Protein backbone atom coordinates (compact mmCIF):
# COMPACT_ATOMS: atom_id res chain seq x y z
CA GLN A 1 -32.90 38.24 -6.58
CA VAL A 2 -29.79 38.36 -4.13
CA GLN A 3 -27.84 34.94 -4.19
CA LEU A 4 -24.05 33.59 -3.20
CA VAL A 5 -23.64 30.13 -4.18
CA GLU A 6 -20.75 28.06 -2.87
CA SER A 7 -19.37 25.28 -5.00
CA GLY A 8 -16.13 23.17 -4.81
CA GLY A 9 -16.62 21.37 -1.24
CA GLY A 10 -16.05 17.66 -0.86
CA LEU A 11 -14.22 14.80 0.69
CA VAL A 12 -10.33 15.10 0.73
CA GLN A 13 -7.36 13.40 2.44
CA PRO A 14 -5.24 15.36 4.90
CA GLY A 15 -2.48 16.85 2.88
CA GLY A 16 -4.81 17.34 0.07
CA SER A 17 -6.22 20.51 -1.85
CA LEU A 18 -9.60 22.04 -2.74
CA ARG A 19 -10.47 25.08 -4.22
CA LEU A 20 -13.95 26.73 -2.98
CA SER A 21 -15.81 28.86 -5.61
CA CYS A 22 -18.71 31.33 -4.60
CA ALA A 23 -20.89 32.94 -7.52
CA ALA A 24 -22.66 36.09 -6.71
CA SER A 25 -25.63 37.49 -8.47
CA GLY A 26 -28.42 40.14 -7.74
CA PHE A 27 -26.37 43.00 -6.52
CA THR A 28 -23.07 44.84 -7.60
CA PHE A 29 -20.28 42.34 -6.17
CA SER A 30 -17.40 44.50 -7.13
CA SER A 31 -18.60 47.27 -4.49
CA TYR A 32 -18.83 44.72 -1.94
CA ALA A 33 -15.64 43.26 0.32
CA THR A 34 -16.24 39.33 0.64
CA SER A 35 -15.10 36.72 3.27
CA TRP A 36 -15.11 32.97 3.92
CA TYR A 37 -16.16 31.67 7.33
CA ARG A 38 -16.43 28.14 8.45
CA GLN A 39 -18.39 26.18 10.97
CA ALA A 40 -18.05 22.78 12.57
CA PRO A 41 -20.77 20.75 14.43
CA GLY A 42 -20.94 22.59 18.17
CA MET A 43 -18.74 25.19 17.23
CA GLU A 44 -19.31 28.85 16.46
CA ARG A 45 -18.68 30.25 13.07
CA GLU A 46 -15.16 31.46 12.52
CA LEU A 47 -13.68 33.75 9.95
CA VAL A 48 -11.00 32.09 7.95
CA ALA A 49 -9.91 34.90 5.13
CA SER A 50 -11.19 38.10 4.04
CA ILE A 51 -10.48 40.31 0.84
CA ASP A 52 -11.50 44.02 -0.28
CA SER A 53 -13.78 44.88 -2.90
CA VAL A 54 -10.90 45.04 -5.67
CA GLY A 55 -8.94 42.36 -4.47
CA ALA A 56 -6.20 44.22 -3.29
CA ASP A 57 -5.78 43.49 0.47
CA THR A 58 -6.26 40.23 2.31
CA ASN A 59 -6.49 38.78 5.56
CA TYR A 60 -6.04 35.28 7.08
CA ALA A 61 -6.70 33.47 10.42
CA ASP A 62 -3.87 32.31 11.83
CA SER A 63 -5.01 28.59 11.54
CA VAL A 64 -4.82 28.93 7.76
CA LYS A 65 -2.25 31.55 7.04
CA GLY A 66 0.24 30.18 4.50
CA ARG A 67 -1.92 27.62 3.23
CA PHE A 68 -5.16 29.17 2.20
CA THR A 69 -5.51 31.85 -0.52
CA ILE A 70 -8.31 33.96 -1.08
CA SER A 71 -8.87 35.77 -4.27
CA ARG A 72 -11.55 36.98 -6.40
CA ASP A 73 -12.46 37.81 -9.98
CA ASN A 74 -15.21 41.04 -10.37
CA ALA A 75 -15.64 40.12 -14.12
CA LYS A 76 -17.01 36.85 -13.17
CA ASN A 77 -18.98 37.90 -9.66
CA THR A 78 -16.75 35.30 -8.03
CA VAL A 79 -14.81 34.88 -4.87
CA TYR A 80 -12.40 31.85 -4.49
CA LEU A 81 -10.63 30.01 -1.63
CA GLN A 82 -7.57 27.75 -2.43
CA MET A 83 -7.21 25.56 0.25
CA ARG A 84 -3.74 23.55 0.37
CA THR A 85 -2.23 21.30 3.01
CA LEU A 86 -5.50 20.49 4.21
CA LYS A 87 -5.96 19.14 8.00
CA PRO A 88 -8.61 17.51 9.83
CA GLU A 89 -9.63 20.81 11.79
CA ASP A 90 -10.45 22.35 8.44
CA THR A 91 -13.49 20.03 8.25
CA GLY A 92 -16.68 22.22 8.26
CA VAL A 93 -19.05 23.78 6.27
CA TYR A 94 -17.53 26.86 4.50
CA TYR A 95 -19.66 30.13 3.68
CA CYS A 96 -18.87 33.17 1.59
CA LYS A 97 -20.13 36.46 2.96
CA ALA A 98 -20.27 40.02 0.93
CA VAL A 99 -20.11 43.16 2.92
CA ARG A 100 -20.59 46.69 2.10
CA SER A 101 -21.14 49.03 4.97
CA TRP A 102 -24.16 47.86 6.99
CA ASN A 103 -25.17 45.43 4.18
CA ALA A 104 -24.19 41.91 4.22
CA TYR A 105 -25.19 38.56 2.34
CA TRP A 106 -24.63 35.06 3.08
CA GLY A 107 -24.43 31.89 0.98
CA GLN A 108 -25.86 28.72 1.84
CA GLY A 109 -22.53 26.91 2.55
CA THR A 110 -20.48 24.03 1.31
CA GLN A 111 -19.28 20.82 3.09
CA VAL A 112 -15.34 20.29 3.24
CA THR A 113 -14.39 17.18 4.92
CA VAL A 114 -10.88 16.29 5.51
CA SER A 115 -10.29 12.57 6.62
CA SER A 116 -8.20 9.63 5.83
């Protein structure tokens, strides 16, 4: 059964850091590009960062560029999002997504709250 399971979310103060993990199973993870999205209440889901299937190329939303780093370890079937210098506007549910051609899988999400 295909699964993407996010972990590592929680409550953090502004300026703090968190590392999110997304563990994949049930498909050939190394053949899929992966991305992190986030969604705040009342807002649309937005793309935060993406990485190709081998971890060679990355892309970031302007709002997180220089603060967030996406990476992956195909041997562990896991994609990561290292978040630094967190801001209240980074608050939301973070989802990982794996894509290959027309096929796409989503995780259930993990909550990140940035607040004093």
